[in-house]
């Protein structure tokens, strides 16, 4: 049984390794190396960092929110990051994390979670749809990763309780 809990500093080496696995796929992020632990914890939305822990105690995924802007009008809008270890993909870990993050987001005053997902990342698009996200549009040729222009699906999930 996998459970979701708050990130602890001791989790960082595994979180970083999972992040690197995602980067290596070429369809998870424009990043080419993981953020530092300091940047990961201190620039993300405070108290949003979650990890999935397998029954054997191994961290097998993580999720958190990033602020989309420092403008006060957008304080309740956050971008989602969800990463699952290659060994745990397809086992419901991503859905568990994303649903837990949605619940956490509301306690943090977030009324809109958004996700930017590479158009070819069908598994992530399906995960977000299964968790109640809708496609807002496609941002064509939004960025270049290793010489390849990427289209990014913009998806969002609105809170039913915050920001009404």
C-alpha atoms as a PDB file:
ATOM      1  CA  UNK A   1       0.000   0.000   0.000  1.00  0.00           C
ATOM      2  CA  UNK A   2       1.406   3.383  -1.002  1.00  0.00           C
ATOM      3  CA  UNK A   3       0.807   6.397   1.207  1.00  0.00           C
ATOM      4  CA  UNK A   4       1.292  10.097   0.630  1.00  0.00           C
ATOM      5  CA  UNK A   5       3.094  12.169   3.240  1.00  0.00           C
ATOM      6  CA  UNK A   6       4.938  15.444   3.594  1.00  0.00           C
ATOM      7  CA  UNK A   7       8.437  15.665   2.147  1.00  0.00           C
ATOM      8  CA  UNK A   8      11.284  15.417   4.663  1.00  0.00           C
ATOM      9  CA  UNK A   9      14.847  16.622   3.976  1.00  0.00           C
ATOM     10  CA  UNK A  10      16.083  13.011   4.220  1.00  0.00           C
ATOM     11  CA  UNK A  11      13.923  12.239   1.140  1.00  0.00           C
ATOM     12  CA  UNK A  12      15.910  14.588  -1.081  1.00  0.00           C
ATOM     13  CA  UNK A  13      18.352  12.075  -2.638  1.00  0.00           C
ATOM     14  CA  UNK A  14      15.483   9.881  -3.866  1.00  0.00           C
ATOM     15  CA  UNK A  15      13.377  12.884  -4.920  1.00  0.00           C
ATOM     16  CA  UNK A  16      16.341  14.168  -6.938  1.00  0.00           C
ATOM     17  CA  UNK A  17      16.884  10.735  -8.525  1.00  0.00           C
ATOM     18  CA  UNK A  18      13.208  10.507  -9.536  1.00  0.00           C
ATOM     19  CA  UNK A  19      13.430  14.046 -10.920  1.00  0.00           C
ATOM     20  CA  UNK A  20      16.473  13.014 -12.969  1.00  0.00           C
ATOM     21  CA  UNK A  21      14.614   9.973 -14.333  1.00  0.00           C
ATOM     22  CA  UNK A  22      11.897  12.307 -15.562  1.00  0.00           C
ATOM     23  CA  UNK A  23      14.411  14.671 -17.125  1.00  0.00           C
ATOM     24  CA  UNK A  24      16.088  11.792 -18.975  1.00  0.00           C
ATOM     25  CA  UNK A  25      12.808  10.791 -20.655  1.00  0.00           C
ATOM     26  CA  UNK A  26      12.877  14.022 -22.670  1.00  0.00           C
ATOM     27  CA  UNK A  27       9.141  14.542 -22.310  1.00  0.00           C
ATOM     28  CA  UNK A  28       8.678  15.575 -18.677  1.00  0.00           C
ATOM     29  CA  UNK A  29      10.281  19.014 -18.445  1.00  0.00           C
ATOM     30  CA  UNK A  30      12.375  21.648 -20.187  1.00  0.00           C
ATOM     31  CA  UNK A  31      14.857  21.304 -17.323  1.00  0.00           C
ATOM     32  CA  UNK A  32      18.073  19.507 -18.250  1.00  0.00           C
ATOM     33  CA  UNK A  33      19.234  18.968 -14.668  1.00  0.00           C
ATOM     34  CA  UNK A  34      17.354  18.866 -11.367  1.00  0.00           C
ATOM     35  CA  UNK A  35      16.942  22.004  -9.323  1.00  0.00           C
ATOM     36  CA  UNK A  36      19.005  22.077  -6.151  1.00  0.00           C
ATOM     37  CA  UNK A  37      17.302  20.947  -2.964  1.00  0.00           C
ATOM     38  CA  UNK A  38      17.336  24.543  -1.765  1.00  0.00           C
ATOM     39  CA  UNK A  39      15.641  25.816  -4.924  1.00  0.00           C
ATOM     40  CA  UNK A  40      13.188  22.903  -4.931  1.00  0.00           C
ATOM     41  CA  UNK A  41      12.062  23.507  -1.359  1.00  0.00           C
ATOM     42  CA  UNK A  42      12.362  27.282  -1.137  1.00  0.00           C
ATOM     43  CA  UNK A  43      10.878  28.378  -4.467  1.00  0.00           C
ATOM     44  CA  UNK A  44       7.945  25.966  -4.460  1.00  0.00           C
ATOM     45  CA  UNK A  45       4.736  26.786  -2.604  1.00  0.00           C
ATOM     46  CA  UNK A  46       5.405  26.372   1.107  1.00  0.00           C
ATOM     47  CA  UNK A  47       3.894  23.195   2.597  1.00  0.00           C
ATOM     48  CA  UNK A  48       2.985  21.765  -0.815  1.00  0.00           C
ATOM     49  CA  UNK A  49       5.826  19.232  -1.109  1.00  0.00           C
ATOM     50  CA  UNK A  50       4.487  15.670  -0.938  1.00  0.00           C
ATOM     51  CA  UNK A  51       6.041  12.258  -1.498  1.00  0.00           C
ATOM     52  CA  UNK A  52       4.560   8.837  -2.155  1.00  0.00           C
ATOM     53  CA  UNK A  53       6.008   6.135   0.060  1.00  0.00           C
ATOM     54  CA  UNK A  54       5.676   2.462  -0.848  1.00  0.00           C
ATOM     55  CA  UNK A  55       4.886  -0.128   1.818  1.00  0.00           C
ATOM     56  CA  UNK A  56       8.602  -0.941   2.095  1.00  0.00           C
ATOM     57  CA  UNK A  57       9.355   2.692   3.026  1.00  0.00           C
ATOM     58  CA  UNK A  58      10.805   3.626  -0.355  1.00  0.00           C
ATOM     59  CA  UNK A  59       9.891   7.010  -1.809  1.00  0.00           C
ATOM     60  CA  UNK A  60       8.453   6.283  -5.260  1.00  0.00           C
ATOM     61  CA  UNK A  61       7.154   9.674  -6.346  1.00  0.00           C
ATOM     62  CA  UNK A  62       6.698  13.311  -5.453  1.00  0.00           C
ATOM     63  CA  UNK A  63       4.460  16.261  -6.182  1.00  0.00           C
ATOM     64  CA  UNK A  64       4.423  19.943  -5.346  1.00  0.00           C
ATOM     65  CA  UNK A  65       3.151  23.320  -6.414  1.00  0.00           C
ATOM     66  CA  UNK A  66       5.066  26.231  -7.921  1.00  0.00           C
ATOM     67  CA  UNK A  67       3.789  29.806  -7.777  1.00  0.00           C
ATOM     68  CA  UNK A  68       2.921  31.063 -11.264  1.00  0.00           C
ATOM     69  CA  UNK A  69       3.540  34.706 -10.398  1.00  0.00           C
ATOM     70  CA  UNK A  70       4.575  36.940  -7.528  1.00  0.00           C
ATOM     71  CA  UNK A  71       1.674  39.307  -8.330  1.00  0.00           C
ATOM     72  CA  UNK A  72      -0.932  39.255  -5.566  1.00  0.00           C
ATOM     73  CA  UNK A  73      -3.790  38.654  -8.027  1.00  0.00           C
ATOM     74  CA  UNK A  74      -2.295  35.236  -8.813  1.00  0.00           C
ATOM     75  CA  UNK A  75      -1.562  34.113  -5.247  1.00  0.00           C
ATOM     76  CA  UNK A  76      -4.169  31.342  -5.597  1.00  0.00           C
ATOM     77  CA  UNK A  77      -2.850  29.986  -8.894  1.00  0.00           C
ATOM     78  CA  UNK A  78      -0.114  27.376  -8.813  1.00  0.00           C
ATOM     79  CA  UNK A  79       1.621  25.082 -11.268  1.00  0.00           C
ATOM     80  CA  UNK A  80       1.733  21.363 -10.561  1.00  0.00           C
ATOM     81  CA  UNK A  81       4.766  19.083 -10.750  1.00  0.00           C
ATOM     82  CA  UNK A  82       4.258  15.323 -10.373  1.00  0.00           C
ATOM     83  CA  UNK A  83       7.051  12.800 -10.864  1.00  0.00           C
ATOM     84  CA  UNK A  84       6.862   9.032 -10.383  1.00  0.00           C
ATOM     85  CA  UNK A  85       9.820   6.660 -10.246  1.00  0.00           C
ATOM     86  CA  UNK A  86      10.131   4.508 -13.372  1.00  0.00           C
ATOM     87  CA  UNK A  87       9.661   1.383 -11.229  1.00  0.00           C
ATOM     88  CA  UNK A  88       6.316   2.689  -9.900  1.00  0.00           C
ATOM     89  CA  UNK A  89       4.748   4.053 -13.078  1.00  0.00           C
ATOM     90  CA  UNK A  90       1.391   2.640 -14.107  1.00  0.00           C
ATOM     91  CA  UNK A  91       0.531   1.598 -10.539  1.00  0.00           C
ATOM     92  CA  UNK A  92      -1.653   4.524  -9.482  1.00  0.00           C
ATOM     93  CA  UNK A  93       1.093   6.461  -7.678  1.00  0.00           C
ATOM     94  CA  UNK A  94       0.698   9.546  -9.864  1.00  0.00           C
ATOM     95  CA  UNK A  95      -3.068   9.626  -9.310  1.00  0.00           C
ATOM     96  CA  UNK A  96      -2.609   9.208  -5.561  1.00  0.00           C
ATOM     97  CA  UNK A  97      -0.102  12.087  -5.483  1.00  0.00           C
ATOM     98  CA  UNK A  98      -2.075  14.424  -7.743  1.00  0.00           C
ATOM     99  CA  UNK A  99      -5.323  13.915  -5.830  1.00  0.00           C
ATOM    100  CA  UNK A 100      -3.514  14.474  -2.515  1.00  0.00           C
ATOM    101  CA  UNK A 101      -1.931  17.612  -3.955  1.00  0.00           C
ATOM    102  CA  UNK A 102      -5.356  18.888  -5.039  1.00  0.00           C
ATOM    103  CA  UNK A 103      -6.629  18.457  -1.482  1.00  0.00           C
ATOM    104  CA  UNK A 104      -3.508  20.115  -0.060  1.00  0.00           C
ATOM    105  CA  UNK A 105      -3.750  22.968  -2.552  1.00  0.00           C
ATOM    106  CA  UNK A 106      -7.126  24.000  -1.181  1.00  0.00           C
ATOM    107  CA  UNK A 107      -5.777  24.160   2.380  1.00  0.00           C
ATOM    108  CA  UNK A 108      -3.102  26.490   0.982  1.00  0.00           C
ATOM    109  CA  UNK A 109      -5.679  28.809  -0.613  1.00  0.00           C
ATOM    110  CA  UNK A 110      -5.069  27.692  -4.203  1.00  0.00           C
ATOM    111  CA  UNK A 111      -8.130  28.059  -6.440  1.00  0.00           C
ATOM    112  CA  UNK A 112      -6.487  27.050  -9.708  1.00  0.00           C
ATOM    113  CA  UNK A 113      -3.891  24.372 -10.313  1.00  0.00           C
ATOM    114  CA  UNK A 114      -2.363  24.424 -13.757  1.00  0.00           C
ATOM    115  CA  UNK A 115      -0.121  21.984 -15.570  1.00  0.00           C
ATOM    116  CA  UNK A 116       2.056  22.449 -18.626  1.00  0.00           C
ATOM    117  CA  UNK A 117       2.561  19.043 -20.230  1.00  0.00           C
ATOM    118  CA  UNK A 118       4.479  18.193 -23.388  1.00  0.00           C
ATOM    119  CA  UNK A 119       1.956  17.214 -26.049  1.00  0.00           C
ATOM    120  CA  UNK A 120       3.612  13.799 -26.545  1.00  0.00           C
ATOM    121  CA  UNK A 121       3.417  12.917 -22.830  1.00  0.00           C
ATOM    122  CA  UNK A 122       0.131  11.026 -23.208  1.00  0.00           C
ATOM    123  CA  UNK A 123       0.434   9.279 -19.814  1.00  0.00           C
ATOM    124  CA  UNK A 124       0.689  12.585 -17.944  1.00  0.00           C
ATOM    125  CA  UNK A 125      -2.182  14.105 -19.921  1.00  0.00           C
ATOM    126  CA  UNK A 126      -4.337  11.050 -19.108  1.00  0.00           C
ATOM    127  CA  UNK A 127      -3.353  11.265 -15.427  1.00  0.00           C
ATOM    128  CA  UNK A 128      -4.343  14.911 -15.194  1.00  0.00           C
ATOM    129  CA  UNK A 129      -7.631  14.265 -17.003  1.00  0.00           C
ATOM    130  CA  UNK A 130      -8.383  11.386 -14.591  1.00  0.00           C
ATOM    131  CA  UNK A 131      -7.830  13.809 -11.700  1.00  0.00           C
ATOM    132  CA  UNK A 132     -10.249  16.410 -13.027  1.00  0.00           C
ATOM    133  CA  UNK A 133      -7.991  18.673 -15.076  1.00  0.00           C
ATOM    134  CA  UNK A 134      -9.283  20.058 -18.358  1.00  0.00           C
ATOM    135  CA  UNK A 135      -7.337  21.151 -21.406  1.00  0.00           C
ATOM    136  CA  UNK A 136      -7.287  24.928 -21.788  1.00  0.00           C
ATOM    137  CA  UNK A 137      -5.213  24.949 -24.958  1.00  0.00           C
ATOM    138  CA  UNK A 138      -1.946  24.136 -26.662  1.00  0.00           C
ATOM    139  CA  UNK A 139       0.993  26.478 -26.455  1.00  0.00           C
ATOM    140  CA  UNK A 140       2.752  25.789 -29.757  1.00  0.00           C
ATOM    141  CA  UNK A 141       6.543  25.707 -29.946  1.00  0.00           C
ATOM    142  CA  UNK A 142       6.685  27.089 -26.405  1.00  0.00           C
ATOM    143  CA  UNK A 143      10.259  26.070 -25.779  1.00  0.00           C
ATOM    144  CA  UNK A 144      13.229  24.265 -27.239  1.00  0.00           C
ATOM    145  CA  UNK A 145      14.647  21.161 -25.587  1.00  0.00           C
ATOM    146  CA  UNK A 146      17.879  19.824 -27.026  1.00  0.00           C
ATOM    147  CA  UNK A 147      17.160  21.309 -30.450  1.00  0.00           C
ATOM    148  CA  UNK A 148      13.512  20.213 -30.578  1.00  0.00           C
ATOM    149  CA  UNK A 149      10.638  22.682 -30.301  1.00  0.00           C
ATOM    150  CA  UNK A 150       7.947  21.418 -27.938  1.00  0.00           C
ATOM    151  CA  UNK A 151       4.220  22.061 -27.871  1.00  0.00           C
ATOM    152  CA  UNK A 152       2.847  22.251 -24.350  1.00  0.00           C
ATOM    153  CA  UNK A 153      -0.696  21.345 -23.328  1.00  0.00           C
ATOM    154  CA  UNK A 154      -2.031  23.809 -20.777  1.00  0.00           C
ATOM    155  CA  UNK A 155      -4.385  22.072 -18.361  1.00  0.00           C
ATOM    156  CA  UNK A 156      -6.106  23.352 -15.256  1.00  0.00           C
ATOM    157  CA  UNK A 157      -8.229  22.259 -12.346  1.00  0.00           C
ATOM    158  CA  UNK A 158     -10.374  24.765 -10.489  1.00  0.00           C
ATOM    159  CA  UNK A 159     -11.273  24.375  -6.839  1.00  0.00           C
ATOM    160  CA  UNK A 160     -14.894  23.829  -5.921  1.00  0.00           C
ATOM    161  CA  UNK A 161     -14.357  25.446  -2.516  1.00  0.00           C
ATOM    162  CA  UNK A 162     -11.571  28.070  -2.732  1.00  0.00           C
ATOM    163  CA  UNK A 163     -11.870  31.358  -4.596  1.00  0.00           C
ATOM    164  CA  UNK A 164     -15.601  31.184  -5.186  1.00  0.00           C
END
